[in-house]
Every structure is written in structure tokens, then in C-alpha cells.
Amino acid sequence: MEHVIRAVRADEWPLVKELRLAALRDPAAPVAFLETYEQGAARSDEFWQDRALGASGTGSGDARQFVAVAPDGRWDGGVTVLIERPDVEVRFGETVSVHQAHVVGVFVRPGARGAGLAEELFRAGTDWARSLAEPRIERVRLYVHEGNARAAAFYRRIGFVATGCSVPVPGDPSARELEYAVERVPSG
């Protein structure tokens, strides 16, 4: 199946909402996302409109959501990349000392898994982040729940390395989210 990997548009908020709710219904959701299906479903249309705008090319430029669009128009997966700066409050995780990208919201529908969509989504997101002239991104990071071995194995396979840093899972201080990162290789 041929998919087009592209950034979301602000007017696609109903599809942004549908994909997120599908992700929150996935059996891995309790260890993959920091929100429940019930919390996501209760959010207002205005929330989803703001979320789509912020993650689109017409947003602030601090976030971009990429989706895998099937030939029939169905969104089979997505990933969001947040730009983090040392002088801005971090949304999740440890404070940062360099300009970096933070990958969140990774999801591929079960029927589309195993076709390389996750890799393509990561490539689109990290290519976008690294293409920014300002700020110049020095590393890409993400967090994975300590109990999500499948996701951790995927991140290692595509080049992410455990940094040794971790943070408590909100609402469950006995569980940890482990940081993985890829350092930027200086160009030319």
C-alpha cells in the first residue's frame, strides 16, 4: 500500500481528533500515551482545532504533526515533533540545554504496522526539525514507558540510544518514562 507522508493542515482537525482517539483505543495506549481515551474524547472541538493549527505549517513553528495518508484518504499513522529551546519551559521531561526536537504521539494503526510507516513518519518529522534554520536542532529525543519494550526496541533499531535519564510517569510515580535520543551529526 502506498502512503503519502505529509504535515497536517489546520482545517484537518476532525482527522487529527479521529487519529488520536484511535491511538488512545489501542491496547498499548496505557503505556504509550499520557492520556486516556475518555480524556481525549471529552476535549472540545476548539481544543482539536487549536491542536491541528499548532501542528500545521500555519502554526507557530514549534510543532509539526506528520501523518501517513493511505490512497483511500485514511490516516494510518502519525507522529508529532515539538521544538524545545533552553529558554522555554519544557512540556514534558527534563529541561534542555540545547535546541532540540521532541518526538511524541507516535502511532500506526494495527492493520498498517510492519510496512515501514513508523520509520517514514520519523524520517519526515526529524528531517523537518533538522531543516529549521532557527533554531538549529542539535538533538532529537523522545520518552518511552519502561514497560513498552516493543516501542523501545523500535527506537533503538532506528538509531535512538537510551540516555540514562528518566522521569516519573504523571499519575504513577512508581513507573518511569525513559529518555532516548539521537545527537545531531555536525554537517560539513
N, C-alpha and C. Protein backbone atom coordinates (compact mmCIF):
# COMPACT_ATOMS: atom_id res chain seq x y z
N MET A 1 0.85 -1.18 0.00
CA MET A 1 0.00 0.00 0.00
C MET A 1 0.89 1.24 0.00
N GLU A 2 0.64 2.14 -0.89
CA GLU A 2 1.41 3.38 -0.99
C GLU A 2 0.78 4.46 -0.11
N HIS A 3 1.56 5.03 0.77
CA HIS A 3 1.11 6.12 1.63
C HIS A 3 1.85 7.39 1.27
N VAL A 4 1.19 8.50 1.49
CA VAL A 4 1.83 9.80 1.38
C VAL A 4 2.10 10.27 2.80
N ILE A 5 3.33 10.65 3.08
CA ILE A 5 3.70 11.18 4.39
C ILE A 5 3.75 12.69 4.24
N ARG A 6 2.96 13.39 5.05
CA ARG A 6 2.89 14.85 4.94
C ARG A 6 2.47 15.45 6.27
N ALA A 7 2.66 16.77 6.37
CA ALA A 7 2.23 17.51 7.56
C ALA A 7 0.72 17.74 7.51
N VAL A 8 0.12 17.82 8.67
CA VAL A 8 -1.31 18.10 8.74
C VAL A 8 -1.57 19.56 8.36
N ARG A 9 -2.80 19.81 7.95
CA ARG A 9 -3.26 21.18 7.68
C ARG A 9 -4.22 21.58 8.80
N ALA A 10 -4.31 22.85 9.07
CA ALA A 10 -5.12 23.35 10.18
C ALA A 10 -6.58 22.95 10.06
N ASP A 11 -7.11 22.88 8.85
CA ASP A 11 -8.53 22.56 8.68
C ASP A 11 -8.82 21.06 8.83
N GLU A 12 -7.81 20.26 9.06
CA GLU A 12 -7.99 18.81 9.20
C GLU A 12 -8.18 18.36 10.64
N TRP A 13 -8.63 19.28 11.49
CA TRP A 13 -8.77 18.94 12.90
C TRP A 13 -9.66 17.73 13.17
N PRO A 14 -10.75 17.48 12.39
CA PRO A 14 -11.52 16.26 12.67
C PRO A 14 -10.70 14.98 12.46
N LEU A 15 -9.80 14.99 11.48
CA LEU A 15 -8.95 13.83 11.24
C LEU A 15 -7.86 13.72 12.31
N VAL A 16 -7.34 14.85 12.78
CA VAL A 16 -6.38 14.85 13.88
C VAL A 16 -7.03 14.22 15.11
N LYS A 17 -8.26 14.62 15.38
CA LYS A 17 -9.00 14.07 16.52
C LYS A 17 -9.24 12.58 16.34
N GLU A 18 -9.70 12.16 15.18
CA GLU A 18 -10.01 10.74 14.94
C GLU A 18 -8.77 9.87 15.10
N LEU A 19 -7.63 10.31 14.56
CA LEU A 19 -6.40 9.53 14.68
C LEU A 19 -5.95 9.42 16.13
N ARG A 20 -6.03 10.52 16.87
CA ARG A 20 -5.63 10.49 18.28
C ARG A 20 -6.54 9.56 19.09
N LEU A 21 -7.83 9.63 18.84
CA LEU A 21 -8.75 8.76 19.57
C LEU A 21 -8.52 7.30 19.21
N ALA A 22 -8.19 7.01 17.96
CA ALA A 22 -7.85 5.64 17.57
C ALA A 22 -6.59 5.19 18.33
N ALA A 23 -5.62 6.07 18.45
CA ALA A 23 -4.39 5.73 19.19
C ALA A 23 -4.71 5.45 20.66
N LEU A 24 -5.61 6.23 21.23
CA LEU A 24 -5.95 6.05 22.64
C LEU A 24 -6.79 4.80 22.89
N ARG A 25 -7.35 4.22 21.83
CA ARG A 25 -8.08 2.94 21.94
C ARG A 25 -7.15 1.74 21.77
N ASP A 26 -5.95 1.96 21.30
CA ASP A 26 -5.00 0.88 21.05
C ASP A 26 -4.65 0.18 22.37
N PRO A 27 -4.48 -1.14 22.34
CA PRO A 27 -4.11 -1.85 23.58
C PRO A 27 -2.83 -1.34 24.24
N ALA A 28 -1.91 -0.77 23.47
CA ALA A 28 -0.67 -0.24 24.06
C ALA A 28 -0.83 1.16 24.65
N ALA A 29 -1.99 1.76 24.49
CA ALA A 29 -2.20 3.15 24.92
C ALA A 29 -1.82 3.42 26.37
N PRO A 30 -2.14 2.53 27.33
CA PRO A 30 -1.80 2.84 28.72
C PRO A 30 -0.31 3.07 28.97
N VAL A 31 0.57 2.47 28.16
CA VAL A 31 2.00 2.71 28.34
C VAL A 31 2.59 3.56 27.22
N ALA A 32 1.77 3.99 26.28
CA ALA A 32 2.28 4.77 25.16
C ALA A 32 1.88 6.24 25.21
N PHE A 33 0.78 6.54 25.86
CA PHE A 33 0.27 7.92 25.87
C PHE A 33 -0.05 8.35 27.29
N LEU A 34 0.07 9.62 27.52
CA LEU A 34 -0.17 10.16 28.86
C LEU A 34 -1.59 10.69 29.00
N GLU A 35 -2.52 10.04 28.30
CA GLU A 35 -3.91 10.46 28.33
C GLU A 35 -4.76 9.23 28.02
N THR A 36 -5.97 9.20 28.55
CA THR A 36 -6.87 8.09 28.28
C THR A 36 -7.81 8.44 27.13
N TYR A 37 -8.46 7.43 26.59
CA TYR A 37 -9.46 7.65 25.55
C TYR A 37 -10.54 8.58 26.07
N GLU A 38 -11.00 8.35 27.29
CA GLU A 38 -12.07 9.17 27.87
C GLU A 38 -11.66 10.64 27.96
N GLN A 39 -10.42 10.89 28.34
CA GLN A 39 -9.94 12.28 28.41
C GLN A 39 -9.90 12.90 27.01
N GLY A 40 -9.39 12.17 26.04
CA GLY A 40 -9.32 12.69 24.68
C GLY A 40 -10.69 12.94 24.09
N ALA A 41 -11.62 12.00 24.29
CA ALA A 41 -12.97 12.12 23.74
C ALA A 41 -13.73 13.28 24.36
N ALA A 42 -13.40 13.65 25.59
CA ALA A 42 -14.10 14.74 26.28
C ALA A 42 -13.62 16.13 25.85
N ARG A 43 -12.54 16.20 25.10
CA ARG A 43 -12.00 17.51 24.70
C ARG A 43 -12.92 18.16 23.66
N SER A 44 -12.97 19.47 23.72
CA SER A 44 -13.86 20.25 22.85
C SER A 44 -13.34 20.32 21.42
N ASP A 45 -14.23 20.65 20.50
CA ASP A 45 -13.81 20.88 19.12
C ASP A 45 -12.77 21.99 19.05
N GLU A 46 -12.90 23.01 19.89
CA GLU A 46 -11.93 24.11 19.90
C GLU A 46 -10.53 23.59 20.26
N PHE A 47 -10.45 22.66 21.20
CA PHE A 47 -9.16 22.06 21.55
C PHE A 47 -8.53 21.41 20.32
N TRP A 48 -9.32 20.61 19.59
CA TRP A 48 -8.80 19.90 18.42
C TRP A 48 -8.44 20.87 17.30
N GLN A 49 -9.21 21.94 17.16
CA GLN A 49 -8.89 22.96 16.15
C GLN A 49 -7.56 23.62 16.49
N ASP A 50 -7.36 23.97 17.76
CA ASP A 50 -6.09 24.58 18.19
C ASP A 50 -4.93 23.61 18.02
N ARG A 51 -5.18 22.36 18.34
CA ARG A 51 -4.12 21.35 18.21
C ARG A 51 -3.69 21.19 16.76
N ALA A 52 -4.65 21.10 15.85
CA ALA A 52 -4.33 20.96 14.42
C ALA A 52 -3.63 22.21 13.90
N LEU A 53 -4.10 23.38 14.28
CA LEU A 53 -3.46 24.62 13.85
C LEU A 53 -2.02 24.66 14.34
N GLY A 54 -1.80 24.36 15.61
CA GLY A 54 -0.46 24.41 16.18
C GLY A 54 0.52 23.44 15.55
N ALA A 55 0.00 22.31 15.05
CA ALA A 55 0.86 21.28 14.47
C ALA A 55 0.94 21.37 12.95
N SER A 56 0.35 22.42 12.38
CA SER A 56 0.34 22.59 10.92
C SER A 56 1.40 23.60 10.50
N GLY A 57 1.56 23.74 9.22
CA GLY A 57 2.51 24.71 8.68
C GLY A 57 2.12 26.15 8.94
N THR A 58 0.87 26.39 9.32
CA THR A 58 0.43 27.76 9.61
C THR A 58 0.48 28.06 11.10
N GLY A 59 0.94 27.11 11.90
CA GLY A 59 1.04 27.31 13.34
C GLY A 59 2.27 28.13 13.69
N SER A 60 2.66 28.06 14.96
CA SER A 60 3.77 28.86 15.47
C SER A 60 5.13 28.39 14.96
N GLY A 61 5.21 27.18 14.45
CA GLY A 61 6.50 26.64 14.02
C GLY A 61 7.20 25.85 15.10
N ASP A 62 6.58 25.74 16.28
CA ASP A 62 7.17 24.99 17.39
C ASP A 62 6.72 23.54 17.43
N ALA A 63 5.84 23.15 16.51
CA ALA A 63 5.35 21.78 16.46
C ALA A 63 4.91 21.47 15.05
N ARG A 64 5.02 20.19 14.70
CA ARG A 64 4.53 19.75 13.40
C ARG A 64 4.08 18.30 13.55
N GLN A 65 2.88 18.01 13.07
CA GLN A 65 2.39 16.64 13.06
C GLN A 65 2.43 16.11 11.63
N PHE A 66 3.02 14.93 11.49
CA PHE A 66 3.09 14.27 10.20
C PHE A 66 2.18 13.05 10.22
N VAL A 67 1.51 12.81 9.10
CA VAL A 67 0.59 11.68 9.00
C VAL A 67 0.92 10.84 7.77
N ALA A 68 0.54 9.57 7.85
CA ALA A 68 0.66 8.64 6.73
C ALA A 68 -0.73 8.48 6.14
N VAL A 69 -0.93 9.02 4.93
CA VAL A 69 -2.24 9.02 4.29
C VAL A 69 -2.29 7.90 3.26
N ALA A 70 -3.25 6.99 3.44
CA ALA A 70 -3.44 5.87 2.51
C ALA A 70 -4.09 6.38 1.23
N PRO A 71 -4.02 5.59 0.15
CA PRO A 71 -4.63 6.00 -1.12
C PRO A 71 -6.11 6.34 -1.01
N ASP A 72 -6.83 5.70 -0.05
CA ASP A 72 -8.25 6.00 0.11
C ASP A 72 -8.50 7.21 1.01
N GLY A 73 -7.43 7.89 1.47
CA GLY A 73 -7.56 9.08 2.30
C GLY A 73 -7.50 8.82 3.79
N ARG A 74 -7.55 7.58 4.18
CA ARG A 74 -7.50 7.24 5.61
C ARG A 74 -6.11 7.54 6.17
N TRP A 75 -6.07 8.10 7.36
CA TRP A 75 -4.81 8.35 8.04
C TRP A 75 -4.44 7.08 8.81
N ASP A 76 -3.35 6.44 8.43
CA ASP A 76 -2.94 5.19 9.05
C ASP A 76 -1.89 5.37 10.14
N GLY A 77 -1.40 6.56 10.33
CA GLY A 77 -0.42 6.78 11.39
C GLY A 77 -0.04 8.23 11.50
N GLY A 78 0.63 8.54 12.59
CA GLY A 78 1.08 9.90 12.78
C GLY A 78 2.19 9.99 13.81
N VAL A 79 2.88 11.10 13.76
CA VAL A 79 3.92 11.43 14.73
C VAL A 79 3.95 12.95 14.84
N THR A 80 4.20 13.45 16.03
CA THR A 80 4.30 14.89 16.25
C THR A 80 5.70 15.21 16.76
N VAL A 81 6.26 16.31 16.27
CA VAL A 81 7.58 16.76 16.69
C VAL A 81 7.44 18.14 17.30
N LEU A 82 7.91 18.28 18.53
CA LEU A 82 7.90 19.55 19.25
C LEU A 82 9.32 20.11 19.26
N ILE A 83 9.45 21.40 19.06
CA ILE A 83 10.76 22.05 19.14
C ILE A 83 10.92 22.58 20.56
N GLU A 84 12.03 22.21 21.19
CA GLU A 84 12.32 22.64 22.56
C GLU A 84 13.56 23.51 22.57
N ARG A 85 13.46 24.60 23.32
CA ARG A 85 14.57 25.55 23.44
C ARG A 85 14.97 25.69 24.91
N PRO A 86 16.22 25.98 25.17
CA PRO A 86 16.66 26.13 26.56
C PRO A 86 15.93 27.24 27.31
N ASP A 87 15.46 28.25 26.60
CA ASP A 87 14.84 29.40 27.27
C ASP A 87 13.32 29.30 27.37
N VAL A 88 12.74 28.13 27.04
CA VAL A 88 11.29 27.94 27.08
C VAL A 88 10.99 26.77 28.00
N GLU A 89 9.89 26.88 28.75
CA GLU A 89 9.51 25.81 29.66
C GLU A 89 9.24 24.52 28.88
N VAL A 90 9.78 23.43 29.37
CA VAL A 90 9.63 22.13 28.73
C VAL A 90 8.24 21.58 29.04
N ARG A 91 7.59 20.99 28.04
CA ARG A 91 6.24 20.43 28.22
C ARG A 91 6.26 19.11 28.96
N PHE A 92 7.32 18.32 28.76
CA PHE A 92 7.45 17.03 29.42
C PHE A 92 8.92 16.65 29.46
N GLY A 93 9.34 16.12 30.58
CA GLY A 93 10.71 15.65 30.70
C GLY A 93 11.63 16.66 31.34
N GLU A 94 12.91 16.40 31.20
CA GLU A 94 13.94 17.24 31.79
C GLU A 94 14.10 18.54 31.00
N THR A 95 14.53 19.60 31.68
CA THR A 95 14.84 20.84 30.98
C THR A 95 15.98 20.59 30.01
N VAL A 96 16.06 21.43 29.01
CA VAL A 96 17.04 21.20 27.96
C VAL A 96 18.12 22.27 27.98
N SER A 97 19.30 21.89 27.52
CA SER A 97 20.40 22.84 27.47
C SER A 97 20.77 23.20 26.03
N VAL A 98 20.14 22.53 25.08
CA VAL A 98 20.38 22.78 23.66
C VAL A 98 19.05 22.85 22.93
N HIS A 99 19.06 23.37 21.73
CA HIS A 99 17.87 23.35 20.89
C HIS A 99 17.68 21.92 20.41
N GLN A 100 16.48 21.40 20.61
CA GLN A 100 16.25 20.01 20.25
C GLN A 100 14.81 19.80 19.82
N ALA A 101 14.59 18.65 19.21
CA ALA A 101 13.25 18.21 18.83
C ALA A 101 12.84 17.10 19.78
N HIS A 102 11.55 17.05 20.06
CA HIS A 102 10.99 16.03 20.96
C HIS A 102 9.87 15.33 20.21
N VAL A 103 10.03 14.05 19.95
CA VAL A 103 9.05 13.26 19.21
C VAL A 103 8.01 12.72 20.19
N VAL A 104 6.73 12.95 19.88
CA VAL A 104 5.62 12.48 20.72
C VAL A 104 4.50 11.93 19.83
N GLY A 105 3.55 11.28 20.46
CA GLY A 105 2.34 10.86 19.77
C GLY A 105 2.55 9.88 18.63
N VAL A 106 3.51 8.99 18.76
CA VAL A 106 3.81 8.03 17.70
C VAL A 106 2.71 6.96 17.67
N PHE A 107 2.10 6.78 16.50
CA PHE A 107 1.05 5.77 16.37
C PHE A 107 0.90 5.34 14.92
N VAL A 108 0.80 4.03 14.73
CA VAL A 108 0.44 3.44 13.43
C VAL A 108 -0.68 2.46 13.70
N ARG A 109 -1.75 2.55 12.92
CA ARG A 109 -2.88 1.63 13.11
C ARG A 109 -2.40 0.19 12.98
N PRO A 110 -2.97 -0.72 13.77
CA PRO A 110 -2.53 -2.12 13.74
C PRO A 110 -2.49 -2.73 12.34
N GLY A 111 -3.47 -2.46 11.50
CA GLY A 111 -3.51 -3.03 10.16
C GLY A 111 -2.45 -2.51 9.22
N ALA A 112 -1.80 -1.41 9.59
CA ALA A 112 -0.77 -0.81 8.73
C ALA A 112 0.64 -1.01 9.29
N ARG A 113 0.75 -1.69 10.40
CA ARG A 113 2.06 -1.92 11.01
C ARG A 113 2.87 -2.91 10.20
N GLY A 114 4.18 -2.77 10.28
CA GLY A 114 5.08 -3.69 9.59
C GLY A 114 5.37 -3.29 8.15
N ALA A 115 4.83 -2.15 7.72
CA ALA A 115 5.04 -1.71 6.33
C ALA A 115 6.04 -0.56 6.23
N GLY A 116 6.69 -0.22 7.34
CA GLY A 116 7.68 0.86 7.33
C GLY A 116 7.11 2.25 7.56
N LEU A 117 5.82 2.35 7.90
CA LEU A 117 5.23 3.68 8.09
C LEU A 117 5.85 4.43 9.27
N ALA A 118 6.11 3.74 10.36
CA ALA A 118 6.70 4.42 11.52
C ALA A 118 8.04 5.03 11.15
N GLU A 119 8.86 4.28 10.42
CA GLU A 119 10.17 4.81 10.01
C GLU A 119 9.99 6.03 9.12
N GLU A 120 9.05 5.96 8.18
CA GLU A 120 8.82 7.09 7.28
C GLU A 120 8.30 8.31 8.03
N LEU A 121 7.42 8.09 9.00
CA LEU A 121 6.93 9.21 9.81
C LEU A 121 8.06 9.84 10.61
N PHE A 122 8.92 9.01 11.21
CA PHE A 122 10.07 9.53 11.96
C PHE A 122 10.98 10.32 11.03
N ARG A 123 11.23 9.78 9.86
CA ARG A 123 12.11 10.47 8.90
C ARG A 123 11.54 11.84 8.55
N ALA A 124 10.25 11.90 8.25
CA ALA A 124 9.63 13.19 7.90
C ALA A 124 9.74 14.18 9.06
N GLY A 125 9.45 13.71 10.27
CA GLY A 125 9.49 14.59 11.43
C GLY A 125 10.88 15.08 11.76
N THR A 126 11.85 14.18 11.75
CA THR A 126 13.21 14.60 12.09
C THR A 126 13.84 15.41 10.96
N ASP A 127 13.52 15.07 9.72
CA ASP A 127 14.01 15.90 8.60
C ASP A 127 13.49 17.32 8.71
N TRP A 128 12.20 17.46 9.05
CA TRP A 128 11.62 18.80 9.21
C TRP A 128 12.36 19.56 10.32
N ALA A 129 12.52 18.90 11.48
CA ALA A 129 13.18 19.58 12.61
C ALA A 129 14.59 20.00 12.26
N ARG A 130 15.32 19.13 11.61
CA ARG A 130 16.71 19.43 11.29
C ARG A 130 16.83 20.42 10.14
N SER A 131 15.75 20.64 9.39
CA SER A 131 15.79 21.62 8.30
C SER A 131 15.60 23.05 8.79
N LEU A 132 15.20 23.21 10.03
CA LEU A 132 14.95 24.55 10.55
C LEU A 132 16.25 25.35 10.62
N ALA A 133 16.20 26.55 10.10
CA ALA A 133 17.38 27.41 10.17
C ALA A 133 17.55 27.95 11.58
N GLU A 134 16.45 28.22 12.23
CA GLU A 134 16.49 28.79 13.57
C GLU A 134 15.34 28.22 14.37
N PRO A 135 15.54 27.55 15.46
CA PRO A 135 16.85 27.22 16.00
C PRO A 135 17.47 26.01 15.28
N ARG A 136 18.74 25.94 15.31
CA ARG A 136 19.45 24.79 14.74
C ARG A 136 19.34 23.63 15.74
N ILE A 137 18.71 22.56 15.31
CA ILE A 137 18.43 21.43 16.19
C ILE A 137 19.70 20.59 16.38
N GLU A 138 20.07 20.38 17.65
CA GLU A 138 21.29 19.63 17.96
C GLU A 138 21.02 18.19 18.35
N ARG A 139 19.81 17.89 18.77
CA ARG A 139 19.48 16.50 19.12
C ARG A 139 17.98 16.30 19.00
N VAL A 140 17.60 15.03 18.91
CA VAL A 140 16.19 14.64 18.87
C VAL A 140 15.99 13.68 20.02
N ARG A 141 14.94 13.88 20.80
CA ARG A 141 14.68 12.98 21.92
C ARG A 141 13.24 12.52 21.92
N LEU A 142 13.00 11.51 22.72
CA LEU A 142 11.65 11.01 22.97
C LEU A 142 11.68 10.30 24.30
N TYR A 143 10.51 10.02 24.82
CA TYR A 143 10.38 9.24 26.05
C TYR A 143 9.56 8.00 25.75
N VAL A 144 9.93 6.91 26.40
CA VAL A 144 9.20 5.66 26.25
C VAL A 144 8.99 5.06 27.64
N HIS A 145 7.77 4.61 27.88
CA HIS A 145 7.43 3.99 29.17
C HIS A 145 8.31 2.77 29.37
N GLU A 146 8.80 2.59 30.58
CA GLU A 146 9.69 1.47 30.88
C GLU A 146 9.05 0.11 30.57
N GLY A 147 7.73 0.04 30.51
CA GLY A 147 7.04 -1.20 30.22
C GLY A 147 6.71 -1.39 28.75
N ASN A 148 7.14 -0.48 27.89
CA ASN A 148 6.82 -0.55 26.47
C ASN A 148 8.04 -1.05 25.69
N ALA A 149 8.35 -2.33 25.88
CA ALA A 149 9.55 -2.92 25.28
C ALA A 149 9.50 -2.90 23.75
N ARG A 150 8.32 -3.07 23.17
CA ARG A 150 8.20 -3.09 21.71
C ARG A 150 8.60 -1.73 21.12
N ALA A 151 8.10 -0.66 21.72
CA ALA A 151 8.45 0.68 21.23
C ALA A 151 9.94 0.96 21.46
N ALA A 152 10.46 0.58 22.62
CA ALA A 152 11.89 0.82 22.90
C ALA A 152 12.77 0.10 21.88
N ALA A 153 12.39 -1.12 21.52
CA ALA A 153 13.17 -1.87 20.52
C ALA A 153 13.13 -1.17 19.16
N PHE A 154 11.97 -0.65 18.79
CA PHE A 154 11.86 0.09 17.53
C PHE A 154 12.75 1.32 17.55
N TYR A 155 12.71 2.10 18.63
CA TYR A 155 13.52 3.32 18.72
C TYR A 155 15.01 3.00 18.63
N ARG A 156 15.44 1.93 19.28
CA ARG A 156 16.84 1.53 19.19
C ARG A 156 17.19 1.12 17.75
N ARG A 157 16.29 0.42 17.10
CA ARG A 157 16.54 -0.03 15.73
C ARG A 157 16.74 1.13 14.77
N ILE A 158 16.06 2.25 15.01
CA ILE A 158 16.20 3.39 14.10
C ILE A 158 17.25 4.40 14.58
N GLY A 159 18.05 4.01 15.58
CA GLY A 159 19.20 4.83 15.95
C GLY A 159 19.12 5.60 17.25
N PHE A 160 18.00 5.53 17.97
CA PHE A 160 17.91 6.21 19.25
C PHE A 160 18.64 5.40 20.31
N VAL A 161 19.24 6.09 21.28
CA VAL A 161 20.01 5.46 22.34
C VAL A 161 19.46 5.93 23.68
N ALA A 162 19.32 5.02 24.62
CA ALA A 162 18.89 5.39 25.97
C ALA A 162 19.94 6.31 26.58
N THR A 163 19.49 7.43 27.14
CA THR A 163 20.43 8.41 27.69
C THR A 163 20.73 8.16 29.16
N GLY A 164 19.93 7.33 29.81
CA GLY A 164 20.08 7.12 31.25
C GLY A 164 19.21 8.05 32.07
N CYS A 165 18.59 9.03 31.42
CA CYS A 165 17.67 9.94 32.10
C CYS A 165 16.27 9.34 32.09
N SER A 166 15.53 9.60 33.15
CA SER A 166 14.15 9.16 33.21
C SER A 166 13.36 10.12 34.08
N VAL A 167 12.04 10.09 33.89
CA VAL A 167 11.13 10.92 34.68
C VAL A 167 9.97 10.05 35.13
N PRO A 168 9.35 10.41 36.27
CA PRO A 168 8.19 9.62 36.70
C PRO A 168 7.02 9.81 35.73
N VAL A 169 6.21 8.78 35.59
CA VAL A 169 5.01 8.86 34.77
C VAL A 169 3.98 9.68 35.54
N PRO A 170 3.44 10.74 34.93
CA PRO A 170 2.42 11.52 35.62
C PRO A 170 1.26 10.61 36.08
N GLY A 171 0.90 10.73 37.34
CA GLY A 171 -0.19 9.93 37.88
C GLY A 171 0.25 8.56 38.39
N ASP A 172 1.50 8.17 38.11
CA ASP A 172 2.02 6.88 38.58
C ASP A 172 3.51 7.03 38.88
N PRO A 173 3.85 7.67 40.01
CA PRO A 173 5.25 7.94 40.31
C PRO A 173 6.11 6.69 40.48
N SER A 174 5.50 5.49 40.56
CA SER A 174 6.30 4.27 40.66
C SER A 174 6.79 3.81 39.28
N ALA A 175 6.22 4.35 38.21
CA ALA A 175 6.64 3.98 36.85
C ALA A 175 7.49 5.10 36.28
N ARG A 176 8.33 4.77 35.31
CA ARG A 176 9.25 5.73 34.73
C ARG A 176 9.08 5.81 33.21
N GLU A 177 9.32 7.00 32.67
CA GLU A 177 9.46 7.23 31.23
C GLU A 177 10.95 7.40 30.99
N LEU A 178 11.51 6.61 30.08
CA LEU A 178 12.94 6.61 29.80
C LEU A 178 13.23 7.48 28.59
N GLU A 179 14.24 8.32 28.69
CA GLU A 179 14.61 9.19 27.58
C GLU A 179 15.54 8.44 26.62
N TYR A 180 15.24 8.58 25.32
CA TYR A 180 16.09 8.10 24.25
C TYR A 180 16.41 9.32 23.37
N ALA A 181 17.60 9.33 22.78
CA ALA A 181 17.97 10.49 21.96
C ALA A 181 18.90 10.08 20.82
N VAL A 182 18.95 10.96 19.84
CA VAL A 182 19.90 10.90 18.74
C VAL A 182 20.56 12.26 18.69
N GLU A 183 21.88 12.28 18.77
CA GLU A 183 22.61 13.54 18.68
C GLU A 183 22.75 13.91 17.22
N ARG A 184 22.77 15.18 16.95
CA ARG A 184 22.94 15.65 15.58
C ARG A 184 24.41 15.49 15.17
N VAL A 185 24.60 14.94 14.01
CA VAL A 185 25.95 14.84 13.47
C VAL A 185 26.25 16.17 12.79
N PRO A 186 27.30 16.87 13.20
CA PRO A 186 27.60 18.17 12.57
C PRO A 186 27.77 18.00 11.07
N SER A 187 27.22 18.94 10.32
CA SER A 187 27.34 18.87 8.86
C SER A 187 28.56 19.65 8.41
N GLY A 188 29.10 19.20 7.25
CA GLY A 188 30.20 19.80 6.53
C GLY A 188 31.08 20.60 7.34
